[in-house]
């Protein structure tokens, strides 16, 4: 070999050695890697680092011991048996119970399994952030099955109020977290800590599932924060300090059967994701809303069931092309609330009862539609303050005001709506325009059937049966084909109001139509029957085949009264004729044993 070739080989060998020294594999010195991991994760007092085939016990940044679980998954039962009592303590009386006294970091490519043998895993709440316990990972797998995870004090007892940093579970990018048939309680750092450490969190780019499990007494019961394809099925979050469930910026989530009870804020908060479907969400006794949706597009909320949530049942904020179907809400301030710029919402077949407002549609929405369903026993059944609202086929019972149209509402259509047992069935404020009622049925209103100060009100068809005043107009209106029965006063026009009516049928117990001074109503092809058919100082102009008469005489009732009086008279005559007739005597020997 020539000298030149020898020099070249030597140089190449040296360069290869330098390259190898600079490569990630050469740089992956366990001690250095563990020190870097320790520093990145808050410098915990004790850190268990799980690597493929190796488990390092890092104490204050220094490897204290190294264990080899062999190839494959690592189980919590193996860690408990091999880490040592300063790291994980086993209960001498119950081998299936362990208490973790260290933070656990899962490095890429590792899997930690909890369950089967370890049925109860206690996480020690620390006196400081460094002494806290948690399990974190990315591009790793954490599998929890058939077990209970709970936060406890340093001695293993219950947590006292104000106890220091509590444990949490967090899975990061590329990782997988599965929890099934388990309970997680007392988890989550304080409110000043980042939200990703608020209990149990699927972070950005992670996946997994929670099935048939309960999250109790955590800061937030369960949080999805940018996760992908997580499945939630039959999961309960209760007694959380904040929200029960938070689903934010997650994609591909499958949700069926969430229950949120007695949480400190909202039962379920969802946002940041378009095209989401939530099915069978049940909320009870939460301090905030049962379901709160922040700005998003295409939310479908199916068969939600809310009861006694203090803030309200369902609140949609700037929700575009969103649908609430078959919702049941009861015992709350506002059953369904829609507000926020750009909101476009359909509420289909709701079952709402008992509260202040059944459905509230805010001034700043773009449009809303309510179809079918029932609304009952509210101060206001449906409150419309925004534009382009349609209410169709809905029944409203026992509400003080059935439908209130106010604020900046315009182009509001009420179609085939039935309102029964209200004080006032429909009100329309002077600030509104373009309000129309088609085939609206009002029954047994104790006050007014319809009270309108809205310019351009249009009524087509429908009826008012039973009211103090069937229709009270404070602004111009057009009435076509309306039937009024059982009202004390049929139609009333305030001062200077002009209105038209065609094919009206008014049967009133006192006054048919009353027009105040300066008011004018033109009626065509109509019938007005009342003891005082036309009243007031205004002008009532009749056209076409308009009939104004007294109400029909109640012949059947009159005949019944005559028959009753005749019977009383005959009985009186009979008693007078026989008043001196002696009573029959019974022989002394007859004993009356009746």
Protein backbone atom coordinates (compact mmCIF):
# COMPACT_ATOMS: atom_id res chain seq x y z
CA UNK A 1 0.00 0.00 0.00
CA UNK A 2 1.39 3.43 -0.94
CA UNK A 3 2.04 6.20 1.56
CA UNK A 4 -0.74 8.33 0.03
CA UNK A 5 -3.26 5.53 0.39
CA UNK A 6 -2.20 4.90 3.98
CA UNK A 7 -2.65 8.59 4.85
CA UNK A 8 -6.07 8.64 3.19
CA UNK A 9 -7.24 5.58 5.13
CA UNK A 10 -5.97 7.12 8.37
CA UNK A 11 -7.83 10.38 7.69
CA UNK A 12 -11.06 8.57 6.83
CA UNK A 13 -10.77 6.48 9.98
CA UNK A 14 -10.28 9.61 12.08
CA UNK A 15 -13.24 11.36 10.42
CA UNK A 16 -15.43 8.30 11.02
CA UNK A 17 -14.46 8.30 14.67
CA UNK A 18 -15.28 12.01 14.98
CA UNK A 19 -18.59 11.49 13.17
CA UNK A 20 -19.47 8.60 15.45
CA UNK A 21 -18.66 10.69 18.48
CA UNK A 22 -20.95 13.44 17.22
CA UNK A 23 -23.82 11.09 16.26
CA UNK A 24 -27.00 10.81 18.45
CA UNK A 25 -26.16 7.22 19.30
CA UNK A 26 -22.79 8.22 20.70
CA UNK A 27 -24.31 11.17 22.45
CA UNK A 28 -26.94 9.00 24.10
CA UNK A 29 -25.00 8.46 27.29
CA UNK A 30 -27.64 7.31 29.83
CA UNK A 31 -26.35 9.57 32.57
CA UNK A 32 -26.40 12.62 30.31
CA UNK A 33 -29.83 11.72 28.90
CA UNK A 34 -31.27 11.22 32.36
CA UNK A 35 -29.80 14.52 33.52
CA UNK A 36 -31.37 16.31 30.52
CA UNK A 37 -34.72 14.62 31.16
CA UNK A 38 -34.53 15.55 34.84
CA UNK A 39 -33.88 19.19 33.97
CA UNK A 40 -36.62 19.36 31.32
CA UNK A 41 -39.24 18.00 33.69
CA UNK A 42 -38.87 20.37 36.62
CA UNK A 43 -35.95 18.71 38.45
CA UNK A 44 -38.05 16.34 40.58
CA UNK A 45 -36.48 14.98 43.75
CA UNK A 46 -37.00 11.42 42.53
CA UNK A 47 -37.50 10.48 38.90
CA UNK A 48 -38.04 7.00 37.48
CA UNK A 49 -36.96 7.03 33.82
CA UNK A 50 -38.34 4.10 31.83
CA UNK A 51 -36.28 3.35 28.70
CA UNK A 52 -36.46 0.35 26.37
CA UNK A 53 -34.99 -2.48 28.43
CA UNK A 54 -33.70 -0.18 31.20
CA UNK A 55 -35.19 1.65 34.19
CA UNK A 56 -33.09 4.36 35.83
CA UNK A 57 -33.75 5.71 39.33
CA UNK A 58 -32.61 9.34 39.30
CA UNK A 59 -32.22 11.10 42.63
CA UNK A 60 -31.60 14.87 42.42
CA UNK A 61 -30.29 14.52 38.86
CA UNK A 62 -27.94 11.60 39.58
CA UNK A 63 -28.58 7.96 38.68
CA UNK A 64 -28.87 6.19 41.98
CA UNK A 65 -29.65 2.77 40.58
CA UNK A 66 -30.40 0.99 37.33
CA UNK A 67 -32.80 -1.90 36.83
CA UNK A 68 -33.31 -4.16 33.84
CA UNK A 69 -36.90 -5.34 33.28
CA UNK A 70 -35.92 -7.09 30.08
CA UNK A 71 -37.37 -6.54 26.64
CA UNK A 72 -41.01 -5.62 26.21
CA UNK A 73 -43.54 -3.87 28.39
CA UNK A 74 -42.89 -2.74 31.96
CA UNK A 75 -45.56 -3.42 34.55
CA UNK A 76 -46.25 -1.38 37.65
CA UNK A 77 -46.05 -4.59 39.72
CA UNK A 78 -42.47 -5.09 38.48
CA UNK A 79 -41.51 -1.50 39.33
CA UNK A 80 -43.01 -1.87 42.81
CA UNK A 81 -41.02 -5.04 43.41
CA UNK A 82 -37.70 -3.70 42.09
CA UNK A 83 -37.51 0.07 42.58
CA UNK A 84 -37.22 0.08 46.38
CA UNK A 85 -39.42 1.48 49.15
CA UNK A 86 -38.09 5.04 48.76
CA UNK A 87 -39.51 5.03 45.24
CA UNK A 88 -42.54 2.75 45.33
CA UNK A 89 -43.91 1.26 48.53
CA UNK A 90 -45.89 -1.98 48.58
CA UNK A 91 -48.62 -2.51 51.16
CA UNK A 92 -47.57 -5.45 53.31
CA UNK A 93 -51.18 -6.32 54.05
CA UNK A 94 -52.38 -5.93 50.46
CA UNK A 95 -49.83 -6.84 47.78
CA UNK A 96 -52.13 -5.38 45.10
CA UNK A 97 -51.79 -1.86 46.59
CA UNK A 98 -48.71 0.32 46.02
CA UNK A 99 -47.79 3.93 46.78
CA UNK A 100 -45.68 5.84 44.27
CA UNK A 101 -43.24 8.33 45.79
CA UNK A 102 -41.52 9.48 42.58
CA UNK A 103 -42.29 11.00 39.19
CA UNK A 104 -42.33 8.55 36.28
CA UNK A 105 -41.10 9.48 32.80
CA UNK A 106 -41.86 7.22 29.85
CA UNK A 107 -39.35 7.69 27.04
CA UNK A 108 -40.14 6.97 23.37
CA UNK A 109 -40.77 3.35 22.54
CA UNK A 110 -41.71 2.25 26.06
CA UNK A 111 -44.94 0.86 27.51
CA UNK A 112 -46.05 0.96 31.14
CA UNK A 113 -49.02 -1.18 32.18
CA UNK A 114 -50.97 -0.65 35.39
CA UNK A 115 -53.59 -3.13 36.49
CA UNK A 116 -54.24 -6.86 36.73
CA UNK A 117 -51.86 -7.26 39.68
CA UNK A 118 -51.76 -3.71 41.05
CA UNK A 119 -55.43 -2.95 41.72
CA UNK A 120 -54.75 0.19 43.77
CA UNK A 121 -52.03 2.71 42.95
CA UNK A 122 -51.62 5.65 45.32
CA UNK A 123 -49.73 8.75 44.19
CA UNK A 124 -48.10 10.83 46.92
CA UNK A 125 -48.96 14.54 46.86
CA UNK A 126 -45.78 16.50 47.41
CA UNK A 127 -44.99 19.40 49.68
CA UNK A 128 -43.37 21.17 46.70
CA UNK A 129 -43.32 20.89 42.92
CA UNK A 130 -40.06 18.93 43.09
CA UNK A 131 -41.51 16.34 45.45
CA UNK A 132 -44.69 15.80 43.42
CA UNK A 133 -45.58 12.59 41.61
CA UNK A 134 -46.82 12.14 38.06
CA UNK A 135 -46.57 9.98 34.95
CA UNK A 136 -45.62 11.67 31.66
CA UNK A 137 -44.53 10.48 28.27
CA UNK A 138 -44.39 11.07 24.55
CA UNK A 139 -44.22 8.48 21.78
CA UNK A 140 -44.82 6.01 24.61
CA UNK A 141 -47.78 3.98 25.88
CA UNK A 142 -49.52 4.08 29.26
CA UNK A 143 -52.15 1.40 29.71
CA UNK A 144 -54.36 1.48 32.84
CA UNK A 145 -56.98 -1.22 33.40
CA UNK A 146 -59.15 -2.47 36.23
CA UNK A 147 -57.52 -0.35 38.90
CA UNK A 148 -57.88 2.69 41.14
CA UNK A 149 -55.47 5.61 40.98
CA UNK A 150 -55.73 8.05 43.86
CA UNK A 151 -53.81 10.97 45.33
CA UNK A 152 -52.88 10.61 49.01
CA UNK A 153 -50.84 12.44 51.62
CA UNK A 154 -47.20 11.54 52.28
CA UNK A 155 -48.23 9.00 54.90
CA UNK A 156 -50.80 7.42 52.66
CA UNK A 157 -53.80 9.10 54.30
CA UNK A 158 -56.49 11.31 52.83
CA UNK A 159 -55.51 14.64 51.33
CA UNK A 160 -56.04 17.67 53.54
CA UNK A 161 -57.25 20.98 52.17
CA UNK A 162 -54.36 22.95 50.74
CA UNK A 163 -52.16 19.89 50.27
CA UNK A 164 -49.24 20.67 47.94
CA UNK A 165 -48.88 19.70 44.27
CA UNK A 166 -51.11 16.79 43.40
CA UNK A 167 -50.27 14.10 40.86
CA UNK A 168 -51.27 14.12 37.21
CA UNK A 169 -51.12 11.98 34.07
CA UNK A 170 -50.03 13.54 30.79
CA UNK A 171 -49.41 11.92 27.43
CA UNK A 172 -47.67 13.98 24.75
CA UNK A 173 -47.11 13.83 21.01
CA UNK A 174 -47.10 10.38 19.45
CA UNK A 175 -48.07 8.73 22.74
CA UNK A 176 -51.02 6.56 23.70
CA UNK A 177 -52.99 6.65 26.96
CA UNK A 178 -55.72 4.06 27.56
CA UNK A 179 -57.83 3.95 30.72
CA UNK A 180 -60.55 1.34 31.11
CA UNK A 181 -62.71 0.13 34.01
CA UNK A 182 -60.75 2.35 36.40
CA UNK A 183 -61.08 5.28 38.79
CA UNK A 184 -58.77 8.29 38.95
CA UNK A 185 -59.27 10.63 41.91
CA UNK A 186 -57.60 13.68 43.46
CA UNK A 187 -55.37 14.48 40.46
CA UNK A 188 -54.34 17.86 39.05
CA UNK A 189 -52.00 20.69 40.00
CA UNK A 190 -53.37 23.95 41.39
CA UNK A 191 -55.15 26.53 39.27
CA UNK A 192 -51.92 28.47 38.68
CA UNK A 193 -50.24 25.53 36.99
CA UNK A 194 -50.57 25.02 33.21
CA UNK A 195 -53.89 23.48 32.22
CA UNK A 196 -52.15 20.44 30.72
CA UNK A 197 -51.34 19.34 34.26
CA UNK A 198 -54.93 19.71 35.46
CA UNK A 199 -55.65 16.02 36.03
CA UNK A 200 -55.60 13.49 33.21
CA UNK A 201 -54.62 14.96 29.83
CA UNK A 202 -54.23 13.70 26.30
CA UNK A 203 -51.86 16.30 24.84
CA UNK A 204 -51.21 17.45 21.29
CA UNK A 205 -50.73 14.56 18.91
CA UNK A 206 -51.55 11.84 21.46
CA UNK A 207 -54.27 9.22 21.18
CA UNK A 208 -55.96 6.52 23.25
CA UNK A 209 -59.23 5.97 25.08
CA UNK A 210 -61.19 6.22 28.29
CA UNK A 211 -63.86 3.56 28.70
CA UNK A 212 -66.16 2.73 31.62
CA UNK A 213 -64.09 4.85 33.97
CA UNK A 214 -64.63 7.55 36.60
CA UNK A 215 -62.59 10.71 37.22
CA UNK A 216 -63.43 12.11 40.64
CA UNK A 217 -62.24 15.10 42.62
CA UNK A 218 -59.61 16.16 40.10
CA UNK A 219 -58.81 19.75 39.17
CA UNK A 220 -60.30 18.96 35.74
CA UNK A 221 -61.76 15.51 35.42
CA UNK A 222 -60.43 14.73 31.95
CA UNK A 223 -58.89 16.94 29.27
CA UNK A 224 -58.24 16.51 25.56
CA UNK A 225 -55.81 19.18 24.35
CA UNK A 226 -55.01 18.68 20.68
CA UNK A 227 -55.32 14.89 20.81
CA UNK A 228 -56.10 12.71 17.78
CA UNK A 229 -58.66 9.91 17.58
CA UNK A 230 -59.38 9.50 21.32
CA UNK A 231 -62.41 7.35 22.17
CA UNK A 232 -64.57 8.30 25.19
CA UNK A 233 -67.27 5.82 26.10
CA UNK A 234 -69.34 5.66 29.32
CA UNK A 235 -67.07 7.98 31.28
CA UNK A 236 -67.99 9.94 34.43
CA UNK A 237 -66.34 13.10 35.78
CA UNK A 238 -67.59 14.35 39.14
CA UNK A 239 -66.64 16.66 42.00
CA UNK A 240 -63.92 18.38 39.94
CA UNK A 241 -62.63 21.73 41.19
CA UNK A 242 -63.08 23.12 37.67
CA UNK A 243 -64.70 21.55 34.59
CA UNK A 244 -65.65 17.92 34.40
CA UNK A 245 -64.58 17.39 30.77
CA UNK A 246 -62.59 19.75 28.54
CA UNK A 247 -62.36 18.89 24.84
CA UNK A 248 -60.27 21.48 23.03
CA UNK A 249 -58.54 21.40 19.65
CA UNK A 250 -58.92 17.62 19.55
CA UNK A 251 -59.64 15.87 16.25
CA UNK A 252 -61.34 12.59 15.43
CA UNK A 253 -62.72 12.16 18.95
CA UNK A 254 -65.50 9.60 19.40
CA UNK A 255 -67.81 10.51 22.27
CA UNK A 256 -70.67 8.33 23.51
CA UNK A 257 -71.96 8.49 27.04
CA UNK A 258 -70.34 11.21 29.16
CA UNK A 259 -71.69 11.97 32.65
CA UNK A 260 -70.63 15.13 34.50
CA UNK A 261 -71.86 15.64 38.07
CA UNK A 262 -71.28 18.26 40.74
CA UNK A 263 -68.26 19.86 39.10
CA UNK A 264 -67.02 23.29 40.19
CA UNK A 265 -67.50 24.90 36.78
CA UNK A 266 -69.05 23.42 33.64
CA UNK A 267 -69.92 19.81 33.17
CA UNK A 268 -68.52 19.62 29.62
CA UNK A 269 -66.60 22.36 27.78
CA UNK A 270 -65.95 21.85 24.06
CA UNK A 271 -64.25 24.06 21.50
CA UNK A 272 -61.51 24.62 18.97
CA UNK A 273 -62.62 21.79 16.67
CA UNK A 274 -65.01 21.74 13.72
CA UNK A 275 -67.41 18.95 12.82
CA UNK A 276 -67.63 17.48 16.29
CA UNK A 277 -70.44 15.11 17.42
CA UNK A 278 -71.27 14.53 21.09
CA UNK A 279 -73.83 11.84 21.88
CA UNK A 280 -75.55 11.00 25.17
CA UNK A 281 -73.99 13.65 27.41
CA UNK A 282 -75.57 13.75 30.89
CA UNK A 283 -74.92 16.61 33.30
CA UNK A 284 -76.22 17.15 36.84
CA UNK A 285 -75.69 19.75 39.56
CA UNK A 286 -72.69 21.48 38.00
CA UNK A 287 -72.00 25.04 39.19
CA UNK A 288 -71.62 26.33 35.65
CA UNK A 289 -73.35 25.14 32.48
CA UNK A 290 -74.07 21.52 31.77
CA UNK A 291 -72.54 21.81 28.29
CA UNK A 292 -70.61 24.92 27.21
CA UNK A 293 -69.48 25.19 23.59
CA UNK A 294 -66.89 27.83 22.71
CA UNK A 295 -66.48 29.11 19.10
CA UNK A 296 -66.52 26.29 16.57
CA UNK A 297 -68.22 25.09 13.39
CA UNK A 298 -70.51 22.11 12.86
CA UNK A 299 -71.07 20.90 16.41
CA UNK A 300 -73.78 18.22 16.69
CA UNK A 301 -75.03 17.66 20.23
CA UNK A 302 -77.34 14.64 20.33
CA UNK A 303 -79.57 13.54 23.25
CA UNK A 304 -77.94 15.74 25.88
CA UNK A 305 -79.60 15.48 29.30
CA UNK A 306 -79.08 18.33 31.78
CA UNK A 307 -80.63 18.66 35.22
CA UNK A 308 -80.12 21.27 37.95
CA UNK A 309 -76.97 22.77 36.42
CA UNK A 310 -76.75 26.15 38.15
CA UNK A 311 -75.36 28.26 35.31
CA UNK A 312 -77.68 26.81 32.69
CA UNK A 313 -78.23 23.69 30.64
CA UNK A 314 -76.60 24.18 27.23
CA UNK A 315 -74.71 27.31 26.15
CA UNK A 316 -73.48 27.78 22.59
CA UNK A 317 -71.09 30.69 21.99
CA UNK A 318 -70.40 31.72 18.37
CA UNK A 319 -71.33 28.24 17.22
CA UNK A 320 -71.72 28.15 13.41
CA UNK A 321 -73.89 25.50 11.71
CA UNK A 322 -74.46 23.78 15.04
CA UNK A 323 -77.34 21.47 15.97
CA UNK A 324 -78.83 20.49 19.31
CA UNK A 325 -81.09 17.45 18.85
CA UNK A 326 -83.42 15.74 21.34
CA UNK A 327 -82.03 17.62 24.33
CA UNK A 328 -83.66 17.28 27.75
CA UNK A 329 -83.02 20.16 30.18
CA UNK A 330 -84.81 20.86 33.46
CA UNK A 331 -84.49 22.82 36.70
CA UNK A 332 -82.07 25.53 35.60
CA UNK A 333 -81.88 29.25 34.82
CA UNK A 334 -81.67 29.01 31.03
CA UNK A 335 -82.15 25.65 29.36
CA UNK A 336 -80.57 26.50 25.98
CA UNK A 337 -78.63 29.72 25.38
CA UNK A 338 -77.31 30.80 21.97
CA UNK A 339 -75.14 33.93 21.79
CA UNK A 340 -72.05 35.35 20.11
CA UNK A 341 -71.29 36.81 16.67
CA UNK A 342 -71.86 34.45 13.75
CA UNK A 343 -73.98 31.96 15.68
CA UNK A 344 -76.14 29.77 13.42
CA UNK A 345 -77.92 27.12 15.45
CA UNK A 346 -80.78 24.65 15.07
CA UNK A 347 -82.53 23.35 18.18
CA UNK A 348 -84.55 20.29 17.19
CA UNK A 349 -87.18 18.54 19.32
CA UNK A 350 -86.07 19.85 22.73
CA UNK A 351 -87.74 18.84 26.00
CA UNK A 352 -87.22 21.76 28.35
CA UNK A 353 -88.89 22.46 31.69
CA UNK A 354 -88.78 24.51 34.87
CA UNK A 355 -86.59 27.61 34.95
CA UNK A 356 -86.32 31.26 33.98
CA UNK A 357 -85.87 30.94 30.21
CA UNK A 358 -86.36 27.89 28.03
CA UNK A 359 -84.50 29.02 24.90
CA UNK A 360 -82.57 32.31 24.76
CA UNK A 361 -81.44 33.59 21.35
CA UNK A 362 -79.12 36.58 21.80
CA UNK A 363 -78.99 39.87 19.89
CA UNK A 364 -75.63 39.19 18.25
CA UNK A 365 -76.43 35.86 16.60
CA UNK A 366 -76.70 35.43 12.82
CA UNK A 367 -79.72 33.13 12.78
CA UNK A 368 -81.47 30.33 14.67
CA UNK A 369 -84.19 27.74 14.13
CA UNK A 370 -86.27 25.94 16.75
CA UNK A 371 -88.30 22.98 15.49
CA UNK A 372 -90.74 20.76 17.38
CA UNK A 373 -90.36 19.77 20.99
CA UNK A 374 -91.89 21.11 24.19
CA UNK A 375 -91.02 24.01 26.47
CA UNK A 376 -92.81 24.26 29.81
CA UNK A 377 -92.97 26.08 33.13
CA UNK A 378 -90.55 28.92 32.48
CA UNK A 379 -90.80 32.63 33.18
CA UNK A 380 -90.13 33.02 29.44
CA UNK A 381 -90.51 30.01 27.20
CA UNK A 382 -88.57 31.33 24.20
CA UNK A 383 -86.72 34.66 24.25
CA UNK A 384 -85.80 36.01 20.82
CA UNK A 385 -83.49 39.04 20.69
CA UNK A 386 -81.60 38.30 17.49
CA UNK A 387 -82.35 38.30 13.74
CA UNK A 388 -83.64 35.64 11.36
CA UNK A 389 -85.21 33.33 13.91
CA UNK A 390 -87.80 30.68 13.10
CA UNK A 391 -89.80 28.78 15.70
CA UNK A 392 -91.89 26.02 14.12
CA UNK A 393 -94.05 23.24 15.51
CA UNK A 394 -93.05 23.83 19.13
CA UNK A 395 -95.44 23.59 22.08
CA UNK A 396 -95.02 25.98 25.01
CA UNK A 397 -96.94 25.24 28.22
CA UNK A 398 -97.33 27.00 31.54
CA UNK A 399 -94.79 29.76 30.97
CA UNK A 400 -95.52 33.28 32.18
CA UNK A 401 -94.59 34.61 28.74
CA UNK A 402 -94.69 32.03 25.97
CA UNK A 403 -92.53 33.76 23.35
CA UNK A 404 -90.84 37.12 23.85
CA UNK A 405 -89.49 38.97 20.79
CA UNK A 406 -87.37 41.96 21.79
CA UNK A 407 -83.96 43.60 21.43
CA UNK A 408 -82.81 43.95 17.82
CA UNK A 409 -84.82 41.02 16.52
CA UNK A 410 -86.03 41.15 12.94
CA UNK A 411 -87.37 38.68 10.39
CA UNK A 412 -88.77 36.46 13.13
CA UNK A 413 -91.24 33.77 12.05
CA UNK A 414 -93.47 31.76 14.39
CA UNK A 415 -95.16 28.87 12.60
CA UNK A 416 -97.63 26.30 13.87
CA UNK A 417 -96.63 27.02 17.45
CA UNK A 418 -99.00 26.14 20.31
CA UNK A 419 -98.87 28.23 23.49
CA UNK A 420 -101.06 27.19 26.41
CA UNK A 421 -101.52 28.35 29.99
CA UNK A 422 -99.41 31.52 29.75
CA UNK A 423 -100.09 34.92 31.23
CA UNK A 424 -99.07 36.46 27.89
CA UNK A 425 -98.60 34.10 24.99
CA UNK A 426 -96.56 36.29 22.61
CA UNK A 427 -94.98 39.72 23.08
CA UNK A 428 -93.20 41.76 20.40
CA UNK A 429 -91.30 44.89 21.45
CA UNK A 430 -91.20 48.23 19.59
CA UNK A 431 -87.50 47.70 18.73
CA UNK A 432 -88.32 44.69 16.54
CA UNK A 433 -89.46 44.46 12.92
CA UNK A 434 -90.63 41.81 10.49
CA UNK A 435 -92.38 39.59 13.02
CA UNK A 436 -94.87 37.09 11.59
CA UNK A 437 -97.18 34.50 13.13
CA UNK A 438 -98.56 31.70 10.95
CA UNK A 439 -101.10 29.22 12.33
CA UNK A 440 -100.14 30.00 15.92
CA UNK A 441 -102.54 28.54 18.49
CA UNK A 442 -102.99 30.36 21.82
CA UNK A 443 -105.00 28.68 24.55
CA UNK A 444 -106.07 29.89 27.98
CA UNK A 445 -103.91 32.98 28.33
CA UNK A 446 -104.82 34.61 31.63
CA UNK A 447 -103.75 38.03 30.34
CA UNK A 448 -103.05 38.77 26.69
CA UNK A 449 -102.83 36.35 23.81
CA UNK A 450 -100.66 38.63 21.71
CA UNK A 451 -99.21 42.00 22.76
CA UNK A 452 -97.31 43.77 19.98
CA UNK A 453 -95.60 47.12 19.60
CA UNK A 454 -93.63 45.80 16.61
CA UNK A 455 -94.15 47.71 13.36
CA UNK A 456 -95.37 45.54 10.51
CA UNK A 457 -96.55 42.57 12.54
CA UNK A 458 -98.26 39.96 10.37
CA UNK A 459 -100.67 37.29 11.61
CA UNK A 460 -101.91 34.64 9.20
CA UNK A 461 -104.35 32.02 10.42
CA UNK A 462 -104.22 30.61 13.90
CA UNK A 463 -106.45 31.19 16.88
CA UNK A 464 -106.70 32.63 20.38
CA UNK A 465 -108.99 30.66 22.67
CA UNK A 466 -109.38 32.13 26.12
CA UNK A 467 -107.68 35.41 27.09
CA UNK A 468 -108.28 38.73 28.81
CA UNK A 469 -107.40 40.51 25.55
CA UNK A 470 -106.80 38.26 22.57
CA UNK A 471 -104.77 40.77 20.49
CA UNK A 472 -103.37 44.05 21.85
CA UNK A 473 -101.78 46.21 19.14
CA UNK A 474 -99.46 49.12 19.87
CA UNK A 475 -98.14 49.39 16.30
CA UNK A 476 -99.39 48.82 12.73
CA UNK A 477 -100.26 45.21 11.94
CA UNK A 478 -102.08 43.00 9.49
CA UNK A 479 -104.35 40.21 10.67
CA UNK A 480 -105.61 37.56 8.26
CA UNK A 481 -107.77 34.54 9.02
CA UNK A 482 -107.46 34.80 12.80
CA UNK A 483 -110.09 33.16 15.01
CA UNK A 484 -110.77 34.52 18.50
CA UNK A 485 -113.03 32.82 21.06
CA UNK A 486 -113.51 32.98 24.81
CA UNK A 487 -111.79 36.36 25.23
CA UNK A 488 -113.06 39.22 27.33
CA UNK A 489 -111.89 41.62 24.62
CA UNK A 490 -111.10 40.46 21.11
CA UNK A 491 -108.85 43.11 19.50
CA UNK A 492 -107.55 46.34 21.04
CA UNK A 493 -105.76 49.13 19.16
CA UNK A 494 -103.81 51.78 21.07
CA UNK A 495 -103.84 55.47 20.11
CA UNK A 496 -103.07 56.27 16.45
CA UNK A 497 -102.45 52.65 15.50
CA UNK A 498 -103.54 51.52 12.02
CA UNK A 499 -104.30 47.90 11.24
CA UNK A 500 -106.06 45.76 8.66
CA UNK A 501 -107.91 42.50 9.07
CA UNK A 502 -109.41 40.02 6.61
CA UNK A 503 -111.53 36.96 7.32
CA UNK A 504 -111.43 37.54 11.07
CA UNK A 505 -113.80 35.64 13.33
CA UNK A 506 -114.07 37.35 16.70
CA UNK A 507 -116.33 36.01 19.45
CA UNK A 508 -115.79 38.00 22.68
CA UNK A 509 -117.56 38.00 26.00
CA UNK A 510 -117.53 41.82 26.39
CA UNK A 511 -115.95 43.83 23.57
CA UNK A 512 -115.27 42.61 20.06
CA UNK A 513 -112.95 45.33 18.70
CA UNK A 514 -111.90 48.39 20.69
CA UNK A 515 -110.02 51.23 18.98
CA UNK A 516 -108.61 54.09 21.05
CA UNK A 517 -108.70 57.69 19.83
CA UNK A 518 -106.96 58.15 16.49
CA UNK A 519 -106.72 54.42 15.81
CA UNK A 520 -108.11 52.94 12.59
CA UNK A 521 -108.78 49.31 11.66
CA UNK A 522 -110.10 48.14 8.30
CA UNK A 523 -111.78 44.75 8.43
CA UNK A 524 -112.92 42.81 5.38
CA UNK A 525 -115.10 39.70 5.06
CA UNK A 526 -115.03 39.26 8.83
CA UNK A 527 -117.38 38.46 11.68
CA UNK A 528 -117.40 40.21 15.05
CA UNK A 529 -119.75 38.98 17.79
CA UNK A 530 -119.83 40.49 21.25
CA UNK A 531 -122.23 42.30 23.62
CA UNK A 532 -120.35 45.44 22.53
CA UNK A 533 -119.04 44.52 19.10
CA UNK A 534 -117.43 47.90 18.30
CA UNK A 535 -116.03 50.12 21.05
CA UNK A 536 -113.71 53.06 21.63
CA UNK A 537 -113.17 56.49 20.11
CA UNK A 538 -111.22 55.23 17.12
CA UNK A 539 -112.49 54.25 13.68
CA UNK A 540 -113.53 50.75 12.67
CA UNK A 541 -114.08 50.50 8.92
CA UNK A 542 -115.97 47.53 7.51
CA UNK A 543 -115.62 46.15 3.99
CA UNK A 544 -117.02 43.26 2.02
CA UNK A 545 -119.21 40.75 3.80
CA UNK A 546 -118.44 41.83 7.32
CA UNK A 547 -120.97 40.86 10.01
CA UNK A 548 -121.24 42.65 13.34
CA UNK A 549 -123.76 41.09 15.76
CA UNK A 550 -124.46 40.11 19.32
CA UNK A 551 -123.01 36.79 20.35
CA UNK A 552 -125.28 33.76 19.75
CA UNK A 553 -127.83 33.24 22.50
CA UNK A 554 -127.01 30.20 24.66
CA UNK A 555 -130.31 28.37 24.09
CA UNK A 556 -129.14 25.10 25.57
CA UNK A 557 -128.03 26.78 28.77
CA UNK A 558 -131.28 28.75 28.90
CA UNK A 559 -133.31 25.54 28.55
CA UNK A 560 -131.35 23.91 31.37
CA UNK A 561 -132.02 26.88 33.65
CA UNK A 562 -135.77 26.78 32.84
CA UNK A 563 -135.91 23.05 33.58
CA UNK A 564 -134.13 23.55 36.89
CA UNK A 565 -136.45 26.37 37.95
CA UNK A 566 -139.49 24.28 36.98
CA UNK A 567 -138.29 21.38 39.12
CA UNK A 568 -137.77 23.66 42.10
CA UNK A 569 -141.25 25.13 41.64
CA UNK A 570 -142.99 21.74 41.43
CA UNK A 571 -141.18 20.51 44.52
CA UNK A 572 -142.24 23.62 46.43
CA UNK A 573 -145.93 23.14 45.40
CA UNK A 574 -145.78 19.52 46.47
CA UNK A 575 -144.45 20.40 49.92
CA UNK A 576 -147.11 23.11 50.41
CA UNK A 577 -150.00 20.79 49.49
CA UNK A 578 -148.89 18.08 51.87
CA UNK A 579 -147.77 20.18 54.80
CA UNK A 580 -150.87 19.17 56.92
CA UNK A 581 -150.99 15.50 55.98
CA UNK A 582 -150.60 13.45 59.22
CA UNK A 583 -147.72 11.08 59.49
CA UNK A 584 -148.62 7.35 59.28
CA UNK A 585 -148.77 5.57 62.65
CA UNK A 586 -147.28 2.18 63.41
CA UNK A 587 -149.03 -0.32 65.74
CA UNK A 588 -147.55 -0.57 69.20
CA UNK A 589 -146.78 -4.28 68.85
CA UNK A 590 -144.60 -3.63 65.75
CA UNK A 591 -140.92 -3.15 66.47
CA UNK A 592 -138.87 -1.18 63.97
CA UNK A 593 -135.55 -2.99 63.77
CA UNK A 594 -134.25 -1.16 60.72
